[in-house]
Every structure is written in structure tokens, then in C-alpha cells.
Amino acid sequence: MIETVSFLKKNAADLPLDEPLTITQNGKPSYVVISYEEHERREQAIAMMKMLSFAESDIKQGRTSSMTSLKDRLAARKK
């Protein structure tokens, strides 16, 4: 959905955010308004992608441990 800045100002309290809302200024796209829930979903997806990227890098560089090794190190810390 595409609307103007004027529409945004007039309807800020009741914006239809079932899909991203593109806001134009002088006929050109300037902003995208999304619901808070959508924002959170996107942030979580980005975080997950970063974690996967770090994990792939760790695997390639051999920075991994077995579950047994992890348990042994945790048990040693408790002593």
C-alpha cells in the first residue's frame, strides 16, 4: 500500500498495517511503516541469519566442540 505523508499524519493512530505501508514525499518513496510485530519478526530473522553465519564460520575454522567435551569442561568448572 502506498500513501502520502499527509495520510500518515492524519491517520497515524489507525494505520492499516496488515502489510508494509510505503509513505511518499513529493511523489517519491521516503519511508516504510510496518507493525511492531513485523519489525520484531524481521529483527529476529536477521539475528538468526547472523548466528548461522557465525556458526558456519566457526565450523570452517574448526572452532567446534563435541557435547562430551562441553560437559567435561562444565563439570571441571564446578569443582
N, C-alpha and C. Protein backbone atom coordinates (compact mmCIF):
# COMPACT_ATOMS: atom_id res chain seq x y z
N MET A 1 0.85 -1.17 0.00
CA MET A 1 0.00 0.00 0.00
C MET A 1 0.90 1.24 0.00
N ILE A 2 0.57 2.22 -0.78
CA ILE A 2 1.35 3.45 -0.87
C ILE A 2 0.46 4.62 -0.49
N GLU A 3 0.96 5.45 0.41
CA GLU A 3 0.23 6.64 0.86
C GLU A 3 1.19 7.81 0.99
N THR A 4 0.62 8.98 1.20
CA THR A 4 1.41 10.21 1.34
C THR A 4 1.71 10.51 2.80
N VAL A 5 2.64 11.44 3.00
CA VAL A 5 2.96 11.89 4.35
C VAL A 5 1.71 12.48 5.00
N SER A 6 0.91 13.19 4.24
CA SER A 6 -0.33 13.78 4.77
C SER A 6 -1.25 12.69 5.31
N PHE A 7 -1.38 11.60 4.57
CA PHE A 7 -2.21 10.46 5.02
C PHE A 7 -1.65 9.92 6.34
N LEU A 8 -0.34 9.78 6.42
CA LEU A 8 0.30 9.28 7.63
C LEU A 8 -0.02 10.18 8.83
N LYS A 9 0.10 11.48 8.63
CA LYS A 9 -0.18 12.42 9.72
C LYS A 9 -1.63 12.35 10.17
N LYS A 10 -2.54 12.28 9.23
CA LYS A 10 -3.97 12.26 9.56
C LYS A 10 -4.41 10.95 10.19
N ASN A 11 -3.78 9.84 9.82
CA ASN A 11 -4.27 8.53 10.22
C ASN A 11 -3.28 7.74 11.09
N ALA A 12 -2.35 8.43 11.71
CA ALA A 12 -1.30 7.73 12.46
C ALA A 12 -1.84 6.77 13.51
N ALA A 13 -2.94 7.12 14.14
CA ALA A 13 -3.49 6.27 15.20
C ALA A 13 -4.17 5.01 14.66
N ASP A 14 -4.61 5.03 13.42
CA ASP A 14 -5.35 3.90 12.85
C ASP A 14 -4.78 3.43 11.51
N LEU A 15 -3.47 3.31 11.43
CA LEU A 15 -2.87 2.89 10.17
C LEU A 15 -3.18 1.42 9.87
N PRO A 16 -3.52 1.12 8.63
CA PRO A 16 -3.74 -0.27 8.25
C PRO A 16 -2.39 -0.96 8.02
N LEU A 17 -1.90 -1.71 9.03
CA LEU A 17 -0.56 -2.28 8.93
C LEU A 17 -0.57 -3.79 8.74
N ASP A 18 -1.57 -4.30 8.03
CA ASP A 18 -1.58 -5.72 7.73
C ASP A 18 -0.51 -6.05 6.69
N GLU A 19 0.02 -5.03 6.03
CA GLU A 19 1.14 -5.16 5.11
C GLU A 19 1.97 -3.88 5.23
N PRO A 20 3.25 -3.90 4.82
CA PRO A 20 4.05 -2.67 4.93
C PRO A 20 3.40 -1.51 4.18
N LEU A 21 3.50 -0.34 4.75
CA LEU A 21 2.91 0.86 4.19
C LEU A 21 4.03 1.78 3.71
N THR A 22 4.11 2.02 2.40
CA THR A 22 5.13 2.90 1.84
C THR A 22 4.58 4.32 1.86
N ILE A 23 5.36 5.22 2.43
CA ILE A 23 4.97 6.63 2.53
C ILE A 23 5.79 7.43 1.53
N THR A 24 5.09 8.21 0.72
CA THR A 24 5.78 9.03 -0.28
C THR A 24 5.83 10.48 0.17
N GLN A 25 6.85 11.14 -0.31
CA GLN A 25 7.00 12.57 -0.06
C GLN A 25 7.40 13.19 -1.40
N ASN A 26 6.61 14.13 -1.86
CA ASN A 26 6.82 14.74 -3.18
C ASN A 26 6.81 13.68 -4.29
N GLY A 27 5.96 12.68 -4.12
CA GLY A 27 5.80 11.65 -5.13
C GLY A 27 6.85 10.55 -5.14
N LYS A 28 7.81 10.62 -4.20
CA LYS A 28 8.88 9.61 -4.15
C LYS A 28 8.80 8.84 -2.83
N PRO A 29 9.04 7.54 -2.88
CA PRO A 29 9.03 6.76 -1.62
C PRO A 29 10.06 7.30 -0.64
N SER A 30 9.63 7.53 0.60
CA SER A 30 10.52 8.07 1.63
C SER A 30 10.63 7.18 2.85
N TYR A 31 9.54 6.53 3.23
CA TYR A 31 9.50 5.72 4.44
C TYR A 31 8.70 4.45 4.20
N VAL A 32 8.97 3.45 5.04
CA VAL A 32 8.13 2.26 5.08
C VAL A 32 7.71 2.08 6.53
N VAL A 33 6.42 1.96 6.75
CA VAL A 33 5.88 1.78 8.09
C VAL A 33 5.38 0.35 8.19
N ILE A 34 5.85 -0.34 9.25
CA ILE A 34 5.41 -1.72 9.48
C ILE A 34 4.93 -1.84 10.93
N SER A 35 4.18 -2.88 11.20
CA SER A 35 3.71 -3.09 12.57
C SER A 35 4.88 -3.47 13.47
N TYR A 36 4.70 -3.29 14.76
CA TYR A 36 5.74 -3.66 15.71
C TYR A 36 6.03 -5.15 15.63
N GLU A 37 4.99 -5.97 15.49
CA GLU A 37 5.16 -7.41 15.40
C GLU A 37 6.01 -7.79 14.19
N GLU A 38 5.75 -7.15 13.05
CA GLU A 38 6.54 -7.41 11.84
C GLU A 38 7.98 -6.98 12.04
N HIS A 39 8.17 -5.84 12.68
CA HIS A 39 9.52 -5.36 12.98
C HIS A 39 10.27 -6.39 13.82
N GLU A 40 9.62 -6.90 14.87
CA GLU A 40 10.25 -7.90 15.74
C GLU A 40 10.59 -9.17 14.97
N ARG A 41 9.66 -9.63 14.11
CA ARG A 41 9.93 -10.83 13.30
C ARG A 41 11.16 -10.61 12.42
N ARG A 42 11.26 -9.45 11.81
CA ARG A 42 12.41 -9.15 10.94
C ARG A 42 13.70 -9.09 11.74
N GLU A 43 13.65 -8.46 12.90
CA GLU A 43 14.85 -8.37 13.74
C GLU A 43 15.30 -9.76 14.18
N GLN A 44 14.36 -10.63 14.54
CA GLN A 44 14.71 -11.98 14.94
C GLN A 44 15.27 -12.77 13.77
N ALA A 45 14.72 -12.59 12.59
CA ALA A 45 15.22 -13.28 11.40
C ALA A 45 16.65 -12.83 11.08
N ILE A 46 16.91 -11.54 11.21
CA ILE A 46 18.27 -11.02 10.97
C ILE A 46 19.24 -11.59 11.99
N ALA A 47 18.83 -11.62 13.26
CA ALA A 47 19.69 -12.17 14.31
C ALA A 47 19.99 -13.64 14.04
N MET A 48 18.98 -14.39 13.62
CA MET A 48 19.18 -15.81 13.32
C MET A 48 20.15 -15.99 12.16
N MET A 49 20.03 -15.16 11.14
CA MET A 49 20.93 -15.25 9.99
C MET A 49 22.37 -14.95 10.41
N LYS A 50 22.55 -13.97 11.31
CA LYS A 50 23.89 -13.65 11.80
C LYS A 50 24.46 -14.82 12.58
N MET A 51 23.63 -15.44 13.44
CA MET A 51 24.10 -16.58 14.22
C MET A 51 24.49 -17.74 13.32
N LEU A 52 23.71 -17.98 12.27
CA LEU A 52 24.05 -19.05 11.33
C LEU A 52 25.36 -18.74 10.61
N SER A 53 25.56 -17.50 10.25
CA SER A 53 26.79 -17.10 9.59
C SER A 53 27.99 -17.32 10.51
N PHE A 54 27.86 -16.93 11.78
CA PHE A 54 28.94 -17.15 12.75
C PHE A 54 29.20 -18.65 12.93
N ALA A 55 28.14 -19.45 12.99
CA ALA A 55 28.28 -20.89 13.16
C ALA A 55 29.01 -21.51 11.97
N GLU A 56 28.63 -21.09 10.75
CA GLU A 56 29.30 -21.61 9.56
C GLU A 56 30.78 -21.25 9.57
N SER A 57 31.09 -20.04 9.99
CA SER A 57 32.49 -19.61 10.07
C SER A 57 33.24 -20.44 11.11
N ASP A 58 32.63 -20.66 12.26
CA ASP A 58 33.27 -21.48 13.30
C ASP A 58 33.53 -22.90 12.80
N ILE A 59 32.57 -23.48 12.09
CA ILE A 59 32.74 -24.84 11.56
C ILE A 59 33.90 -24.87 10.56
N LYS A 60 33.94 -23.90 9.66
CA LYS A 60 35.01 -23.86 8.65
C LYS A 60 36.38 -23.70 9.28
N GLN A 61 36.44 -22.96 10.40
CA GLN A 61 37.73 -22.70 11.04
C GLN A 61 38.03 -23.70 12.16
N GLY A 62 37.19 -24.72 12.29
CA GLY A 62 37.45 -25.78 13.26
C GLY A 62 37.24 -25.37 14.71
N ARG A 63 36.46 -24.34 14.94
CA ARG A 63 36.19 -23.88 16.31
C ARG A 63 34.90 -24.51 16.82
N THR A 64 34.91 -25.82 16.95
CA THR A 64 33.73 -26.54 17.43
C THR A 64 34.14 -27.51 18.53
N SER A 65 33.18 -27.95 19.31
CA SER A 65 33.42 -28.92 20.38
C SER A 65 32.33 -29.97 20.34
N SER A 66 32.66 -31.14 20.84
CA SER A 66 31.64 -32.18 20.97
C SER A 66 30.84 -31.92 22.23
N MET A 67 29.69 -32.54 22.32
CA MET A 67 28.86 -32.39 23.51
C MET A 67 29.59 -32.96 24.73
N THR A 68 30.30 -34.05 24.55
CA THR A 68 31.05 -34.66 25.66
C THR A 68 32.12 -33.71 26.16
N SER A 69 32.83 -33.07 25.25
CA SER A 69 33.87 -32.11 25.63
C SER A 69 33.26 -30.93 26.39
N LEU A 70 32.14 -30.45 25.95
CA LEU A 70 31.46 -29.35 26.63
C LEU A 70 31.04 -29.76 28.04
N LYS A 71 30.46 -30.93 28.18
CA LYS A 71 30.04 -31.43 29.50
C LYS A 71 31.24 -31.57 30.43
N ASP A 72 32.35 -32.08 29.90
CA ASP A 72 33.56 -32.24 30.72
C ASP A 72 34.08 -30.88 31.21
N ARG A 73 34.09 -29.89 30.33
CA ARG A 73 34.56 -28.55 30.72
C ARG A 73 33.64 -27.92 31.76
N LEU A 74 32.32 -28.11 31.60
CA LEU A 74 31.38 -27.56 32.58
C LEU A 74 31.53 -28.26 33.92
N ALA A 75 31.73 -29.56 33.89
CA ALA A 75 31.91 -30.31 35.15
C ALA A 75 33.19 -29.86 35.85
N ALA A 76 34.24 -29.60 35.09
CA ALA A 76 35.52 -29.16 35.67
C ALA A 76 35.38 -27.79 36.32
N ARG A 77 34.54 -26.94 35.76
CA ARG A 77 34.33 -25.60 36.34
C ARG A 77 33.65 -25.66 37.70
N LYS A 78 32.78 -26.65 37.88
CA LYS A 78 32.03 -26.76 39.13
C LYS A 78 32.92 -27.20 40.29
N LYS A 79 34.06 -27.81 40.00
CA LYS A 79 34.94 -28.33 41.06
C LYS A 79 35.72 -27.25 41.73
